[in-house]
């Protein structure tokens, strides 16, 4: 089972980190009917930006919420799903920076037996540390501003809305 993600493919039994707009994540979950055949776990933190946009009604679609980094680690250790999608919430690590390393290790370990996707709309310190164990990092860059560049602004380079994949 390969998961298609707007020009990139997520291989089975890997840990992949994805950075991009919410539509990237919801499009992957909503449009791939093949995913409905597998046990799918959606994990969010204290809040979710995308869960209300997910239109899955399959009996194989489970949702769990972690309010602390410890709860997230427990959820991951107890999961027996084929696909585990984690919507990153940096507030889980407030006062719990000691949990980043164990969680990063757990994500890499679980990624050997399940397809693990760590998603965030943008990278922050905790996301970057967790993504170090990812086999692939897929980054959808924001679109370029329209029109000529103003003095003093630097061009980010490349095509508008381009996607980059970093293999680690």
Foldseek 3Di string as FASTA:
>chain_A
DWQDQPPDIQDFLFEEEEAADLCRVQCSQAPDPVCLVWQEEEEEEPDDPHPVVHDDDRPSYHYDYHDALVSVLVCLVPDPTQEYEYEDDVVNCVVPVVSLVVLLVSSLVSSNRHRYYYYYNDDDDSSVSSCPSGQKYKYFDAFDDDDDDDPPDDDPDDHGRDMDMDGD
